[in-house]
Protein backbone atom coordinates (compact mmCIF):
# COMPACT_ATOMS: atom_id res chain seq x y z
CA MET A 1 10.22 63.42 41.76
CA VAL A 2 8.11 62.91 39.28
CA LEU A 3 5.54 61.25 41.49
CA PRO A 4 4.27 64.37 43.31
CA ARG A 5 3.75 66.56 39.95
CA VAL A 6 1.46 63.39 39.16
CA ILE A 7 -0.48 63.52 42.45
CA LYS A 8 -0.72 67.48 42.32
CA LEU A 9 -1.87 66.79 38.46
CA ILE A 10 -4.85 64.47 40.06
CA HIS A 11 -5.81 66.85 42.98
CA SER A 12 -6.19 69.87 40.21
CA TYR A 13 -9.03 67.61 38.72
CA ASN A 14 -10.49 66.71 41.96
CA VAL A 15 -10.38 62.84 41.37
CA PRO A 16 -11.43 60.95 44.01
CA LEU A 17 -9.09 59.46 46.82
CA GLN A 18 -9.52 55.89 45.93
CA CYS A 19 -8.74 56.45 42.13
CA GLN A 20 -5.44 58.84 43.10
CA LEU A 21 -4.14 55.72 45.02
CA ARG A 22 -4.84 53.25 41.88
CA THR A 23 -3.15 55.76 39.62
CA SER A 24 -0.35 56.08 41.86
CA ARG A 25 0.07 52.09 42.59
CA SER A 26 0.31 51.41 38.85
CA TRP A 27 2.45 54.55 38.00
CA ILE A 28 5.24 52.89 40.53
CA HIS A 29 4.65 49.24 39.47
CA LYS A 30 5.28 50.32 35.80
CA LYS A 31 8.21 52.23 36.75
CA GLU A 32 10.00 49.37 38.92
CA ILE A 33 9.12 46.99 35.44
CA PHE A 34 10.87 49.38 33.06
CA ASP A 35 13.84 50.13 35.56
CA LYS A 36 14.58 46.33 35.77
CA GLY A 37 13.85 45.78 31.36
CA LYS A 38 11.76 43.00 31.83
CA GLY A 39 8.54 42.62 31.01
CA PHE A 40 8.32 45.20 28.49
CA PRO A 41 4.72 45.67 27.01
CA CYS A 42 4.71 43.68 23.65
CA ASN A 43 2.71 46.39 21.96
CA TYR A 44 5.54 48.45 21.65
CA THR A 45 7.73 46.25 19.03
CA SER A 46 5.73 43.27 17.00
CA THR A 47 8.92 41.06 17.87
CA SER A 48 8.38 37.85 20.17
CA GLU A 49 10.92 37.91 23.63
CA VAL A 50 12.35 34.80 21.91
CA LYS A 51 13.40 36.76 18.66
CA ARG A 52 14.73 39.98 20.60
CA GLN A 53 17.21 37.53 22.92
CA ILE A 54 18.88 36.84 19.37
CA PRO A 55 22.27 38.35 19.66
CA SER A 56 22.36 40.86 16.51
CA SER A 57 25.68 39.04 15.25
CA GLN A 58 23.60 35.51 14.65
CA LYS A 59 21.78 35.35 11.77
CA LEU A 60 18.14 34.11 11.18
CA ILE A 61 18.78 33.05 7.49
CA GLN A 62 21.02 29.91 7.28
CA GLU A 63 23.81 29.07 5.30
CA ASP A 64 21.72 26.35 2.93
CA LEU A 65 19.04 29.15 2.26
CA MET A 66 22.10 32.04 1.55
CA SER A 67 22.10 30.43 -2.09
CA ILE A 68 18.34 30.61 -2.56
CA ARG A 69 18.41 34.52 -1.48
CA LEU A 70 20.70 34.97 -4.15
CA LYS A 71 19.23 32.89 -6.99
CA TYR A 72 15.76 34.29 -7.11
CA PRO A 73 16.19 38.04 -5.77
CA GLU A 74 12.63 38.80 -7.24
CA PHE A 75 10.85 36.85 -4.44
CA LEU A 76 11.61 39.57 -1.76
CA PRO A 77 8.26 42.09 -1.19
CA SER A 78 9.25 45.80 -2.66
CA THR A 79 11.66 47.97 -0.61
CA LYS A 80 9.32 50.89 -0.57
CA PRO A 81 6.37 50.47 2.91
CA GLU A 82 3.81 51.83 1.20
CA HIS A 83 3.76 48.73 -1.66
CA ARG A 84 3.74 45.92 0.64
CA HIS A 85 0.84 44.09 0.95
CA LYS A 86 0.85 40.52 2.57
CA ILE A 87 -1.68 38.69 0.50
CA LYS A 88 -0.87 40.54 -2.37
CA THR A 89 2.71 38.66 -2.11
CA VAL A 90 1.14 35.11 -1.01
CA LEU A 91 -0.91 35.61 -4.49
CA GLU A 92 2.11 36.36 -6.92
CA HIS A 93 4.67 33.82 -5.27
CA ASN A 94 2.14 31.43 -5.94
CA ASP A 95 1.51 32.40 -9.30
CA MET A 96 5.37 32.59 -10.35
CA LEU A 97 5.71 29.07 -8.79
CA LYS A 98 3.19 27.54 -10.97
CA ARG A 99 4.98 29.70 -13.80
CA LYS A 100 8.06 27.78 -12.96
CA THR A 101 6.27 24.67 -12.84
CA ASN A 102 5.19 25.10 -16.18
CA MET A 103 8.91 26.77 -17.74
CA ASP A 104 12.36 26.20 -16.23
CA ILE A 105 13.56 29.74 -15.06
CA PRO A 106 17.12 28.67 -14.45
CA GLU A 107 19.54 30.51 -12.08
CA PHE A 108 21.04 33.73 -13.77
CA TYR A 109 22.70 36.88 -12.65
CA VAL A 110 23.94 39.95 -14.17
CA GLY A 111 26.64 39.49 -16.13
CA SER A 112 25.27 36.19 -17.44
CA ILE A 113 24.78 35.55 -21.11
CA LEU A 114 21.62 34.24 -21.87
CA ALA A 115 19.56 33.12 -24.68
CA VAL A 116 15.29 34.21 -24.85
CA THR A 117 13.01 32.50 -27.11
CA VAL A 118 9.80 34.31 -27.23
CA SER A 119 6.65 33.54 -28.89
CA ASP A 120 6.30 36.46 -31.69
CA VAL A 121 3.06 36.82 -34.03
CA ASN A 122 5.24 39.28 -36.32
CA ALA A 123 8.23 36.40 -36.74
CA ALA A 124 8.56 34.22 -39.55
CA GLY A 125 8.21 30.96 -37.69
CA LYS A 126 6.21 32.67 -35.02
CA ILE A 127 9.15 32.26 -32.56
CA SER A 128 11.91 35.27 -32.24
CA ARG A 129 15.54 34.18 -30.18
CA PHE A 130 17.80 36.94 -29.06
CA LEU A 131 21.24 36.63 -27.46
CA GLY A 132 23.08 38.97 -25.08
CA ILE A 133 24.53 39.63 -21.81
CA CYS A 134 22.53 40.52 -18.49
CA ILE A 135 22.93 43.89 -17.96
CA PHE A 136 20.60 45.01 -15.50
CA ARG A 137 17.62 43.47 -13.27
CA GLU A 138 15.01 45.45 -11.62
CA GLY A 139 11.30 44.73 -10.11
CA THR A 140 9.58 42.34 -7.49
CA GLY A 141 7.24 39.81 -7.76
CA LEU A 142 5.77 39.60 -11.17
CA ASN A 143 6.83 43.10 -11.99
CA SER A 144 10.45 41.28 -12.09
CA CYS A 145 12.50 41.39 -15.49
CA PHE A 146 15.67 41.68 -16.96
CA THR A 147 17.61 43.66 -19.98
CA LEU A 148 19.78 42.03 -22.39
CA ARG A 149 22.43 44.04 -24.60
CA ASN A 150 23.96 42.71 -27.60
CA ILE A 151 25.76 44.51 -30.56
CA VAL A 152 24.37 43.51 -33.72
CA ASP A 153 25.64 44.46 -37.32
CA ARG A 154 27.50 47.43 -35.05
CA GLU A 155 23.87 48.60 -33.91
CA GLY A 156 23.16 48.25 -29.97
CA ILE A 157 20.62 46.32 -29.36
CA GLU A 158 18.99 46.37 -25.95
CA ILE A 159 15.53 43.72 -25.26
CA ARG A 160 14.02 44.21 -21.50
CA TYR A 161 11.84 40.97 -20.84
CA ASP A 162 9.74 40.00 -18.07
CA LEU A 163 10.73 37.15 -15.86
CA TYR A 164 7.27 35.54 -15.54
CA ASN A 165 5.76 36.76 -18.78
CA PRO A 166 3.90 33.88 -20.80
CA THR A 167 4.76 34.70 -23.97
CA ILE A 168 8.60 33.48 -23.05
CA GLN A 169 8.81 29.74 -24.25
CA ASN A 170 12.90 29.28 -22.99
CA ILE A 171 15.50 30.98 -21.08
CA GLU A 172 18.45 29.15 -21.71
CA VAL A 173 21.74 30.01 -19.86
CA ILE A 174 24.53 30.28 -21.83
CA LYS A 175 27.59 31.20 -19.76
CA LEU A 176 26.71 31.79 -16.09
CA GLU A 177 28.73 33.96 -14.17
CA LYS A 178 29.15 37.47 -12.30
CA ARG A 179 30.37 40.72 -12.61
CA LEU A 180 32.02 43.42 -10.10
CA ASP A 181 28.63 45.39 -10.16
CA ALA A 182 25.10 44.67 -9.92
CA ASP A 183 24.20 47.15 -12.60
CA LEU A 184 25.97 46.94 -16.22
CA ARG A 185 24.06 49.63 -17.88
CA TYR A 186 27.45 51.77 -18.50
CA LEU A 187 28.52 48.63 -21.57
CA ARG A 188 26.20 51.67 -23.66
CA ASP A 189 28.96 53.59 -23.35
CA ALA A 190 32.13 51.18 -23.08
CA GLU A 191 33.81 50.11 -26.26
CA PRO A 192 31.70 47.30 -28.30
CA GLN A 193 33.91 44.36 -28.03
CA TYR A 194 32.29 43.93 -24.19
CA SER A 195 28.77 43.72 -25.89
CA THR A 196 29.53 41.91 -28.84
CA PHE A 197 28.36 38.00 -28.63
CA PRO A 198 27.57 35.74 -31.92
CA LEU A 199 23.99 34.92 -31.78
CA ASP A 200 24.75 31.07 -32.27
CA MET A 201 27.06 31.32 -29.34
CA GLU A 202 27.40 27.10 -27.87
CA PRO A 203 26.72 27.03 -24.40
CA GLU A 204 29.00 26.10 -21.69
CA LEU A 205 29.22 22.98 -19.83
CA ARG A 206 29.29 23.48 -15.93
CA LYS A 207 29.68 20.80 -13.23
CA GLU A 208 26.35 20.83 -11.45
CA GLY A 209 26.56 22.15 -7.55
CA ALA A 210 29.82 24.12 -9.15
CA PRO A 211 30.36 27.42 -7.54
CA VAL A 212 29.16 30.54 -9.62
CA PRO A 213 32.54 32.06 -11.12
CA VAL A 214 32.80 35.60 -10.73
CA ASN A 215 34.89 37.58 -13.68
CA PRO A 216 37.00 40.53 -13.05
CA ILE A 217 37.04 42.37 -15.99
CA LYS A 218 37.47 46.11 -15.82
CA VAL A 219 35.91 47.48 -19.06
CA LYS A 220 37.40 50.15 -20.51
CA MET A 221 35.24 53.37 -21.43
CA LEU A 222 34.68 55.24 -24.90
CA PRO A 223 35.96 59.19 -24.18
CA LEU A 224 33.79 61.60 -23.23
CA PRO A 225 31.03 62.80 -23.20
CA TRP A 226 28.72 60.22 -21.97
CA SER A 227 25.08 59.58 -21.89
CA ILE A 228 25.09 59.40 -17.90
CA ASP A 229 27.85 60.26 -15.62
CA TRP A 230 28.78 56.90 -14.59
CA PHE A 231 30.91 57.38 -11.99
CA LYS A 232 28.51 58.96 -9.80
CA ILE A 233 27.14 56.63 -7.24
CA ARG A 234 23.36 56.19 -8.00
CA TYR A 235 22.67 53.30 -6.71
CA GLN A 236 24.59 53.52 -2.92
CA HIS A 237 27.15 51.75 -4.74
CA GLN A 238 30.22 51.86 -6.14
CA THR A 239 31.31 51.26 -9.58
CA TYR A 240 33.88 48.56 -9.41
CA GLY A 241 34.36 47.18 -13.41
CA ILE A 242 35.32 50.38 -15.10
CA GLU A 243 38.94 50.97 -15.56
CA LYS A 244 40.38 54.10 -14.42
CA MET A 245 41.04 56.72 -16.48
CA LEU A 246 44.31 59.14 -16.09
CA GLY A 247 42.66 62.31 -14.79
CA VAL A 248 39.77 61.80 -14.95
CA TRP A 249 38.82 59.09 -12.56
CA GLU A 250 39.95 60.23 -9.32
CA TYR A 251 38.18 63.61 -9.92
CA TYR A 252 34.92 61.75 -10.86
CA TYR A 253 35.27 59.40 -7.79
CA LYS A 254 36.10 61.76 -4.91
CA ARG A 255 33.11 63.87 -6.24
CA SER A 256 31.00 60.82 -6.42
CA VAL A 257 31.87 59.33 -2.58
CA HIS A 258 31.41 63.14 -1.34
CA ASN A 259 27.86 62.88 -2.77
CA ARG A 260 26.84 60.08 -1.62
CA HIS A 261 24.54 61.09 0.72
CA HIS A 262 22.34 64.49 0.45
CA ASN A 263 23.31 65.62 3.47
CA GLU A 264 25.89 64.62 6.41
CA TYR A 265 23.54 63.19 8.80
CA GLU A 266 21.47 61.19 6.40
CA GLN A 267 24.10 58.04 6.87
CA PHE A 268 23.26 57.79 10.36
CA ASP A 269 19.34 58.02 9.77
CA LEU A 270 18.33 54.12 10.70
CA MET A 271 14.73 54.46 10.41
CA LYS A 272 15.69 55.51 6.53
CA GLU A 273 17.65 52.02 6.23
CA TYR A 274 15.24 49.71 7.98
CA ARG A 275 12.66 51.20 5.88
CA SER A 276 14.73 50.54 2.54
CA HIS A 277 15.24 46.93 3.65
CA ILE A 278 13.33 43.49 4.13
CA PRO A 279 14.38 42.45 8.16
CA GLU A 280 15.15 38.67 7.80
CA ASP A 281 12.38 37.78 10.20
CA ALA A 282 10.23 38.44 6.83
CA GLN A 283 12.65 36.94 4.53
CA LEU A 284 12.59 33.20 6.46
CA PRO A 285 9.36 32.20 5.48
CA ILE A 286 10.08 32.81 1.75
CA TRP A 287 12.96 30.99 1.56
CA ASN A 288 11.92 28.14 3.19
CA LYS A 289 9.07 27.51 1.15
CA LEU A 290 11.42 27.96 -2.02
CA PHE A 291 14.08 25.43 -0.15
CA ASP A 292 11.04 23.06 -0.31
CA TYR A 293 9.89 23.68 -3.54
CA GLU A 294 13.27 23.11 -5.08
CA LYS A 295 13.55 19.67 -2.99
CA SER A 296 10.23 18.47 -4.81
CA THR A 297 11.08 19.36 -8.05
CA SER A 298 15.16 18.81 -8.29
CA ASP A 299 14.81 15.26 -9.61
CA MET A 300 11.85 16.73 -12.43
CA LYS A 301 14.42 19.41 -13.40
CA LYS A 302 17.00 16.75 -13.73
CA LYS A 303 15.27 14.26 -15.84
CA ALA A 304 14.05 17.33 -18.42
CA ARG A 305 17.87 18.58 -18.89
CA ARG A 306 18.92 14.79 -19.69
CA ALA A 307 15.89 14.63 -22.48
CA LYS A 308 17.45 17.96 -23.81
CA MET A 309 20.65 16.71 -23.99
CA ILE A 310 20.14 13.65 -25.41
CA ARG A 311 17.72 15.39 -28.16
CA ARG A 312 21.06 17.47 -28.97
């Protein structure tokens, strides 16, 4: 048993008899508590006992908050633990909500067609407008940004905008839709028809509250070589939006799946997965705050949209 070893160790240090009895009793008491599995000390985990009783299959985020979670991914803290700071995230969220009250930042996803109007000192009317497809979103908080792509005069043009940049005057959603992939930067090496949109494209009417459609289109790529090997799984997800190429796809696809992890044990590293994700306990207050904000500003946004439609 372990207890006689503990007593021998105490004897070797010439501990008084009263202290010996106290240490042995406390050790037996802690062992009984640990064996029962009850009264586990709270300093071992930051999660409360009530939340620990929730089964893993049950989610803390309710269904009405899931849509907000997809609409505003930039409100999530950074996935890198060294870049997270509670006070910084709270101050950033307050600034972002103030910016949203001054300018309507609409709901859009990778694959949506947008038109962004920016104040430009060097432009003719001090305003420049660019229309293109959103091929990538990145960053968190005030550092969140998105990239638009369009082909103008047979030349591919990409502009990267900071989402909460005060020089942006208007973000207009021309066509709201999703794609099969969360990263469409492979359009750089695809055929030009998938990145060509008229600059005077009219916005599509959409019913309020209708689900966002997913465009299942498969993109035809230009012949090799490409600027980047888009078949590789570089962002821990597969590429579904590229059409299979005869004699090329199977080899590259198998190689990318094989090289998904650096070693054979990385897929079982739970701590790495925990550090690279935000737990639902930390997400819940953020989505509740946004849900209350949307409720309070929904009527004002409806009136502003109706006024714009009447002006047209």
